[in-house]
Amino acid sequence: MKHTSLSYKMAKGGGVVRKRKLLGLGAMLLVVWVGVFPALCISQQPSKEPLTEEQVLALVTSSKLGELAVNRVVELITERGVAFSITDIFLLELNAREADSAIVETLKRLRSQGKDFVPTPSEPAKASPSTEASPSGKAPTEANWPQFLEAVRAKAIAYTDNLPNFICTQITQRFVRFFPAGWRQVDNYVADLSYYDKKEHYKILTVANKVTPNATIENLSGTRSTGEFGTSLRALFDPNTRASFRLEGLDQTGGHDTVRVGYQVPKETSSRTINYNNERTIVTAYRGRCWIDPVSYQVVRLEDKAIDIPQDFPITRSEGSTDYDLAEIAGTKYWLPVRAEVLLVEGAAKLHTRNVIEFKRYRKFEAEVKISTD
């Protein structure tokens, strides 16, 4: 069995690359995929409910395809308003999709007028089998800790098997600092991330707010991260990793009551590697904490940190975290990554790099649906 590995590369231009290879899946493949947009019949809808994020993006796509005039999109947004907060992250996504400036300015005007959040009633989503309560749903005690840990292990190992095919938007903001100076943002990149056949596939939309048709996740310079969808979880709880776990007690994270568990993985069984400039590669031990929902046995936050890095190795610090939460796909809720961070330090240059990653707008992966406006 292949194990998860992390590699880091200090690019010649001063950037740092972090890559997680998928467990047991070999190299990451770039594929051409067909996007997903919700079916909308805007002009046929008697409802004047505010538009959702997906509806606005579908209208943007429709205008680009020439199926709907830009001024009609502007009219619809103005007439119906929006049912979500127009964040800087959403504006970045509009830029990535080459939205017409008139549409963007209309949305910015709504935001400035405080009209960018109109709550609408919605039906509660049904829970998937993976989110149903366990028989006890209680925090573990020292006595039943071994059984609790095995339940968590089984859930983590089966995690990717239970995920549906989906698409989400990944927005990565990249920061650097030369210690002790403060952080400054250097750029960002927006990608459509599709998950099917138990693999992640990336289509880079923009880098530094510019459309980059030739960019791939593999050839991006600077710090990048992949594999948040279960790779780290499965590697950590794989019995072959021989991680040691300790029960630390009750805690809260992301609004969830959780059980905090510490862990450490020895170098001998670690699958984590750090690669510097394709010149030197090391395997490191690592340790961290995970926060577990005691009802579903799902890890809702995972933190890791490489330890015992050789003193003569250029990368002196490597840390990461991933937060999971319930996201709805086609009426069913699944635990999925919503945010991740990556921190790397090159000691000699005192260069720190930090990636803040958000996963937005999970939706079902299927054939593209064109928008009817007749």
Protein backbone atom coordinates (compact mmCIF):
# COMPACT_ATOMS: atom_id res chain seq x y z
CA MET A 1 0.00 0.00 0.00
CA LYS A 2 1.18 3.47 -0.78
CA HIS A 3 1.16 5.99 2.01
CA THR A 4 0.54 9.68 2.01
CA SER A 5 3.60 11.81 1.44
CA LEU A 6 4.19 15.51 1.65
CA SER A 7 6.88 17.20 -0.36
CA TYR A 8 8.15 20.71 -0.21
CA LYS A 9 10.20 22.50 -2.77
CA MET A 10 11.92 25.84 -2.39
CA ALA A 11 11.55 27.31 -5.86
CA LYS A 12 14.48 29.10 -7.45
CA GLY A 13 12.58 32.36 -7.28
CA GLY A 14 12.10 32.08 -3.55
CA GLY A 15 8.72 30.36 -3.47
CA VAL A 16 7.90 27.25 -1.51
CA VAL A 17 5.89 24.32 -2.79
CA ARG A 18 3.99 21.89 -0.60
CA LYS A 19 2.31 18.91 -2.16
CA ARG A 20 0.37 16.03 -0.73
CA LYS A 21 0.14 12.98 -2.98
CA LEU A 22 -3.08 11.06 -2.83
CA LEU A 23 -3.06 7.89 -0.79
CA GLY A 24 -2.77 4.85 -3.02
CA LEU A 25 -3.73 6.81 -6.12
CA GLY A 26 -0.37 7.67 -7.63
CA ALA A 27 0.42 10.99 -9.25
CA MET A 28 -2.12 13.78 -9.46
CA LEU A 29 -3.72 14.03 -12.89
CA LEU A 30 -4.94 17.16 -14.56
CA VAL A 31 -8.14 16.47 -16.44
CA VAL A 32 -10.51 18.50 -18.56
CA TRP A 33 -13.91 18.31 -16.93
CA VAL A 34 -17.35 19.60 -17.65
CA GLY A 35 -18.48 22.22 -15.13
CA VAL A 36 -21.68 22.12 -13.18
CA PHE A 37 -24.19 24.94 -13.07
CA PRO A 38 -27.74 24.76 -11.70
CA ALA A 39 -30.61 24.62 -14.16
CA LEU A 40 -32.28 28.02 -14.16
CA CYS A 41 -35.27 29.25 -16.06
CA ILE A 42 -35.08 32.79 -14.72
CA SER A 43 -37.66 34.36 -16.98
CA GLN A 44 -40.07 31.47 -16.37
CA GLN A 45 -39.93 31.71 -12.59
CA PRO A 46 -42.84 33.59 -11.04
CA SER A 47 -40.87 33.74 -7.82
CA LYS A 48 -38.99 36.89 -6.97
CA GLU A 49 -36.84 35.21 -4.35
CA PRO A 50 -33.32 36.66 -4.04
CA LEU A 51 -30.67 34.94 -6.12
CA THR A 52 -28.29 32.41 -4.61
CA GLU A 53 -24.53 32.27 -5.23
CA GLU A 54 -24.96 29.45 -7.74
CA GLN A 55 -27.68 31.34 -9.59
CA VAL A 56 -25.54 34.46 -9.91
CA LEU A 57 -22.61 32.42 -11.21
CA ALA A 58 -24.92 30.59 -13.61
CA LEU A 59 -26.13 33.94 -14.96
CA VAL A 60 -22.51 35.05 -15.41
CA THR A 61 -21.82 31.90 -17.41
CA SER A 62 -24.97 32.40 -19.45
CA SER A 63 -23.90 35.95 -20.34
CA LYS A 64 -20.46 34.72 -21.39
CA LEU A 65 -22.05 32.12 -23.64
CA GLY A 66 -24.12 34.84 -25.28
CA GLU A 67 -27.37 33.28 -24.09
CA LEU A 68 -28.32 36.24 -21.91
CA ALA A 69 -27.46 39.93 -22.32
CA VAL A 70 -25.29 41.48 -19.62
CA ASN A 71 -27.83 44.25 -19.04
CA ARG A 72 -30.52 41.58 -18.44
CA VAL A 73 -28.29 39.95 -15.80
CA VAL A 74 -27.81 43.34 -14.15
CA GLU A 75 -31.61 43.87 -14.18
CA LEU A 76 -32.26 40.47 -12.59
CA ILE A 77 -29.71 41.07 -9.82
CA THR A 78 -31.10 44.54 -9.17
CA GLU A 79 -34.73 43.37 -9.17
CA ARG A 80 -34.34 40.25 -7.08
CA GLY A 81 -31.34 41.01 -4.92
CA VAL A 82 -29.12 38.29 -3.49
CA ALA A 83 -29.57 35.79 -0.66
CA PHE A 84 -25.95 35.70 0.42
CA SER A 85 -23.14 37.94 1.60
CA ILE A 86 -21.04 39.36 -1.23
CA THR A 87 -17.60 38.72 0.19
CA ASP A 88 -14.18 39.54 -1.22
CA ILE A 89 -13.79 35.80 -1.79
CA PHE A 90 -16.92 35.75 -3.97
CA LEU A 91 -15.68 38.76 -5.96
CA LEU A 92 -12.42 36.87 -6.54
CA GLU A 93 -14.42 33.98 -7.95
CA LEU A 94 -16.33 36.33 -10.26
CA ASN A 95 -13.02 37.67 -11.50
CA ALA A 96 -11.80 34.11 -12.07
CA ARG A 97 -14.86 33.45 -14.21
CA GLU A 98 -14.32 36.67 -16.19
CA ALA A 99 -17.61 38.21 -15.14
CA ASP A 100 -18.52 41.40 -16.99
CA SER A 101 -17.54 44.51 -15.06
CA ALA A 102 -21.14 45.78 -15.09
CA ILE A 103 -22.25 42.68 -13.19
CA VAL A 104 -19.42 43.02 -10.68
CA GLU A 105 -20.15 46.70 -10.10
CA THR A 106 -23.84 45.94 -9.55
CA LEU A 107 -22.96 43.40 -6.85
CA LYS A 108 -20.50 45.80 -5.24
CA ARG A 109 -23.21 48.45 -5.14
CA LEU A 110 -25.59 46.03 -3.39
CA ARG A 111 -22.89 45.32 -0.84
CA SER A 112 -22.23 49.01 -0.20
CA GLN A 113 -25.96 49.57 0.34
CA GLY A 114 -26.13 46.73 2.85
CA LYS A 115 -28.44 44.70 0.61
CA ASP A 116 -26.16 41.72 0.19
CA PHE A 117 -27.70 39.41 2.73
CA VAL A 118 -31.38 38.51 2.41
CA PRO A 119 -32.23 35.34 4.34
CA THR A 120 -34.63 32.98 2.59
CA PRO A 121 -36.47 30.02 4.08
CA SER A 122 -35.07 26.64 3.15
CA GLU A 123 -35.94 23.05 3.80
CA PRO A 124 -33.61 21.24 6.20
CA ALA A 125 -31.26 18.90 4.40
CA LYS A 126 -31.47 15.23 5.16
CA ALA A 127 -28.51 13.71 6.91
CA SER A 128 -26.37 11.10 5.22
CA PRO A 129 -25.80 7.79 6.96
CA SER A 130 -22.30 8.97 7.87
CA THR A 131 -23.70 11.84 9.98
CA GLU A 132 -26.31 9.93 11.95
CA ALA A 133 -25.82 9.64 15.68
CA SER A 134 -23.95 6.73 17.15
CA PRO A 135 -25.73 4.54 19.71
CA SER A 136 -24.17 6.43 22.59
CA GLY A 137 -23.13 9.79 21.14
CA LYS A 138 -21.12 10.45 24.30
CA ALA A 139 -17.56 11.52 24.95
CA PRO A 140 -15.22 8.60 25.67
CA THR A 141 -13.95 7.64 29.08
CA GLU A 142 -10.66 5.98 29.89
CA ALA A 143 -12.54 2.69 30.02
CA ASN A 144 -14.08 2.87 26.52
CA TRP A 145 -11.28 4.92 24.92
CA PRO A 146 -9.95 1.94 22.87
CA GLN A 147 -13.39 1.30 21.36
CA PHE A 148 -13.86 5.00 20.63
CA LEU A 149 -10.47 5.20 18.90
CA GLU A 150 -11.27 2.18 16.73
CA ALA A 151 -14.58 3.75 15.68
CA VAL A 152 -12.73 6.93 14.69
CA ARG A 153 -10.14 4.88 12.82
CA ALA A 154 -12.80 3.01 10.85
CA LYS A 155 -14.53 6.29 9.96
CA ALA A 156 -11.28 7.94 8.80
CA ILE A 157 -10.16 5.00 6.67
CA ALA A 158 -13.57 4.76 4.99
CA TYR A 159 -13.90 8.53 4.58
CA THR A 160 -13.05 8.79 0.88
CA ASP A 161 -15.14 5.71 0.06
CA ASN A 162 -18.27 7.48 1.29
CA LEU A 163 -17.82 10.77 -0.57
CA PRO A 164 -20.03 11.47 -3.61
CA ASN A 165 -18.77 12.95 -6.86
CA PHE A 166 -18.77 16.72 -6.43
CA ILE A 167 -17.28 20.03 -7.49
CA CYS A 168 -16.26 22.91 -5.27
CA THR A 169 -14.38 26.17 -5.69
CA GLN A 170 -10.99 26.36 -3.98
CA ILE A 171 -9.70 29.86 -3.26
CA THR A 172 -6.12 30.10 -1.99
CA GLN A 173 -4.65 33.31 -0.64
CA ARG A 174 -0.85 33.30 -0.27
CA PHE A 175 1.16 35.35 2.19
CA VAL A 176 4.87 35.78 2.94
CA ARG A 177 6.95 37.54 5.54
CA PHE A 178 10.62 37.91 6.30
CA PHE A 179 10.72 37.52 10.06
CA PRO A 180 10.24 39.63 12.16
CA ALA A 181 8.31 41.74 9.62
CA GLY A 182 4.55 41.28 9.29
CA TRP A 183 2.63 39.21 6.76
CA ARG A 184 1.85 40.59 3.30
CA GLN A 185 -0.29 38.97 0.66
CA VAL A 186 1.61 38.16 -2.52
CA ASP A 187 -1.13 36.67 -4.67
CA ASN A 188 -4.01 34.21 -4.82
CA TYR A 189 -5.27 31.51 -7.09
CA VAL A 190 -8.75 30.21 -7.76
CA ALA A 191 -9.41 26.65 -8.89
CA ASP A 192 -12.39 24.47 -9.63
CA LEU A 193 -11.80 21.25 -7.73
CA SER A 194 -13.73 18.23 -8.91
CA TYR A 195 -13.79 14.96 -6.99
CA TYR A 196 -14.75 11.75 -8.76
CA ASP A 197 -13.40 8.20 -8.98
CA LYS A 198 -12.03 8.88 -5.48
CA LYS A 199 -9.56 11.40 -6.90
CA GLU A 200 -9.15 15.14 -6.79
CA HIS A 201 -8.83 17.03 -10.07
CA TYR A 202 -7.91 20.69 -10.33
CA LYS A 203 -8.64 23.27 -12.99
CA ILE A 204 -6.82 26.55 -12.30
CA LEU A 205 -9.01 29.50 -13.23
CA THR A 206 -6.89 32.48 -12.21
CA VAL A 207 -3.55 33.27 -10.61
CA ALA A 208 -3.06 36.71 -9.07
CA ASN A 209 -6.47 37.73 -10.47
CA LYS A 210 -5.41 36.94 -14.05
CA VAL A 211 -6.81 34.22 -16.25
CA THR A 212 -4.07 31.63 -16.80
CA PRO A 213 -5.25 28.95 -19.27
CA ASN A 214 -1.93 27.08 -19.18
CA ALA A 215 -1.61 26.91 -15.40
CA THR A 216 -1.93 23.56 -13.66
CA ILE A 217 -1.70 22.62 -10.00
CA GLU A 218 1.62 20.95 -10.77
CA ASN A 219 3.34 23.92 -12.43
CA LEU A 220 2.23 26.66 -10.03
CA SER A 221 5.18 28.40 -8.43
CA GLY A 222 5.12 29.28 -4.75
CA THR A 223 3.42 27.38 -1.95
CA ARG A 224 0.58 25.10 -2.88
CA SER A 225 -1.29 22.31 -1.16
CA THR A 226 -3.42 19.40 -2.32
CA GLY A 227 -4.93 16.32 -0.72
CA GLU A 228 -7.13 17.79 2.01
CA PHE A 229 -9.96 15.41 1.12
CA GLY A 230 -9.18 12.52 3.40
CA THR A 231 -5.56 11.79 2.49
CA SER A 232 -4.08 13.01 5.76
CA LEU A 233 -6.85 11.39 7.80
CA ARG A 234 -6.44 8.01 6.21
CA ALA A 235 -2.67 8.05 6.50
CA LEU A 236 -2.79 9.06 10.17
CA PHE A 237 -5.24 6.33 11.19
CA ASP A 238 -3.83 3.61 8.95
CA PRO A 239 -2.60 0.88 11.36
CA ASN A 240 0.64 0.64 9.35
CA THR A 241 1.48 4.21 10.38
CA ARG A 242 1.63 3.07 14.01
CA ALA A 243 0.61 6.46 15.34
CA SER A 244 0.28 6.78 19.10
CA PHE A 245 -2.86 8.55 20.33
CA ARG A 246 -3.73 10.08 23.68
CA LEU A 247 -7.09 11.27 24.98
CA GLU A 248 -6.82 14.92 26.04
CA GLY A 249 -10.43 15.69 26.98
CA LEU A 250 -13.46 17.66 25.86
CA ASP A 251 -13.10 20.80 23.77
CA GLN A 252 -14.88 22.96 21.22
CA THR A 253 -13.88 23.89 17.68
CA GLY A 254 -15.83 25.51 14.86
CA GLY A 255 -18.97 25.57 16.99
CA HIS A 256 -18.86 21.82 17.60
CA ASP A 257 -18.51 19.99 20.91
CA THR A 258 -15.52 17.74 20.34
CA VAL A 259 -13.10 15.32 21.89
CA ARG A 260 -9.48 16.49 21.59
CA VAL A 261 -6.93 13.80 20.82
CA GLY A 262 -3.17 14.22 20.55
CA TYR A 263 -1.03 12.02 18.33
CA GLN A 264 2.53 11.37 17.18
CA VAL A 265 3.92 9.40 14.25
CA PRO A 266 7.49 8.04 14.38
CA LYS A 267 9.91 8.65 11.54
CA GLU A 268 10.26 4.91 10.88
CA THR A 269 6.64 4.58 9.77
CA SER A 270 6.03 8.14 8.61
CA SER A 271 5.10 8.77 4.99
CA ARG A 272 5.76 12.50 5.23
CA THR A 273 8.62 13.81 3.12
CA ILE A 274 10.06 17.27 2.67
CA ASN A 275 11.76 18.01 -0.62
CA TYR A 276 13.93 21.09 -1.06
CA ASN A 277 14.51 22.28 -4.64
CA ASN A 278 14.50 18.71 -5.90
CA GLU A 279 17.97 18.52 -4.39
CA ARG A 280 17.34 16.85 -1.06
CA THR A 281 14.48 14.88 0.40
CA ILE A 282 13.95 13.85 4.00
CA VAL A 283 11.32 11.85 5.87
CA THR A 284 10.10 13.40 9.10
CA ALA A 285 8.20 12.30 12.14
CA TYR A 286 5.18 14.46 12.89
CA ARG A 287 2.75 15.16 15.67
CA GLY A 288 -0.40 17.17 16.24
CA ARG A 289 -3.95 17.14 17.47
CA CYS A 290 -7.32 16.22 16.04
CA TRP A 291 -10.77 17.26 17.25
CA ILE A 292 -13.44 14.58 16.91
CA ASP A 293 -17.21 14.84 16.90
CA PRO A 294 -18.29 12.25 19.53
CA VAL A 295 -21.60 11.56 17.75
CA SER A 296 -20.41 10.80 14.22
CA TYR A 297 -16.75 9.93 15.06
CA GLN A 298 -15.75 12.41 12.35
CA VAL A 299 -12.52 14.38 12.68
CA VAL A 300 -13.63 18.03 12.42
CA ARG A 301 -10.19 19.61 12.74
CA LEU A 302 -6.74 18.19 12.07
CA GLU A 303 -3.43 19.87 12.93
CA ASP A 304 0.03 18.52 12.08
CA LYS A 305 3.61 19.62 12.58
CA ALA A 306 6.84 18.03 11.34
CA ILE A 307 9.31 17.27 14.14
CA ASP A 308 12.98 16.34 14.37
CA ILE A 309 13.88 18.09 11.11
CA PRO A 310 17.68 17.83 10.66
CA GLN A 311 19.44 21.07 11.62
CA ASP A 312 21.21 21.34 8.26
CA PHE A 313 17.98 21.09 6.26
CA PRO A 314 16.83 24.42 4.72
CA ILE A 315 13.17 24.02 5.73
CA THR A 316 13.05 24.40 9.49
CA ARG A 317 9.32 24.38 10.14
CA SER A 318 6.30 22.87 8.40
CA GLU A 319 2.79 22.91 9.80
CA GLY A 320 -0.73 22.55 8.52
CA SER A 321 -4.36 22.39 9.57
CA THR A 322 -7.68 21.44 7.99
CA ASP A 323 -11.17 22.25 9.26
CA TYR A 324 -14.15 20.10 8.30
CA ASP A 325 -17.85 20.93 8.51
CA LEU A 326 -21.15 19.69 7.16
CA ALA A 327 -21.75 20.76 3.56
CA GLU A 328 -24.79 19.92 1.50
CA ILE A 329 -24.52 18.15 -1.85
CA ALA A 330 -27.76 17.28 -3.67
CA GLY A 331 -29.81 17.41 -0.46
CA THR A 332 -27.48 15.30 1.68
CA LYS A 333 -24.92 16.60 4.15
CA TYR A 334 -21.34 15.35 4.29
CA TRP A 335 -18.35 16.29 6.40
CA LEU A 336 -16.04 18.14 3.99
CA PRO A 337 -13.07 20.51 4.25
CA VAL A 338 -14.09 24.16 4.51
CA ARG A 339 -10.76 25.77 5.37
CA ALA A 340 -7.08 24.83 5.51
CA GLU A 341 -3.79 26.55 6.28
CA VAL A 342 -0.20 25.72 5.40
CA LEU A 343 2.83 27.30 7.07
CA LEU A 344 6.46 26.77 5.99
CA VAL A 345 9.67 28.41 7.13
CA GLU A 346 13.04 28.51 5.41
CA GLY A 347 15.42 29.11 8.28
CA ALA A 348 18.44 30.69 6.61
CA ALA A 349 16.38 33.31 4.78
CA LYS A 350 13.91 33.68 7.65
CA LEU A 351 11.23 33.37 4.98
CA HIS A 352 7.78 32.37 6.17
CA THR A 353 5.05 31.38 3.71
CA ARG A 354 1.41 30.92 4.63
CA ASN A 355 -1.49 29.70 2.52
CA VAL A 356 -5.09 30.26 3.61
CA ILE A 357 -7.42 27.99 1.63
CA GLU A 358 -11.20 28.12 1.48
CA PHE A 359 -13.47 25.53 -0.11
CA LYS A 360 -16.73 27.06 -1.31
CA ARG A 361 -19.96 26.08 -3.05
CA TYR A 362 -19.99 22.31 -2.95
CA ARG A 363 -22.34 20.92 -5.58
CA LYS A 364 -23.00 17.67 -7.40
CA PHE A 365 -20.69 16.69 -10.25
CA GLU A 366 -22.66 16.04 -13.42
CA ALA A 367 -22.89 17.08 -17.03
CA GLU A 368 -23.18 20.78 -17.74
CA VAL A 369 -26.71 22.14 -17.74
CA LYS A 370 -27.36 25.10 -20.02
CA ILE A 371 -29.56 27.95 -18.89
CA SER A 372 -32.88 28.60 -20.57
CA THR A 373 -33.95 32.23 -20.68
CA ASP A 374 -36.96 31.96 -22.99
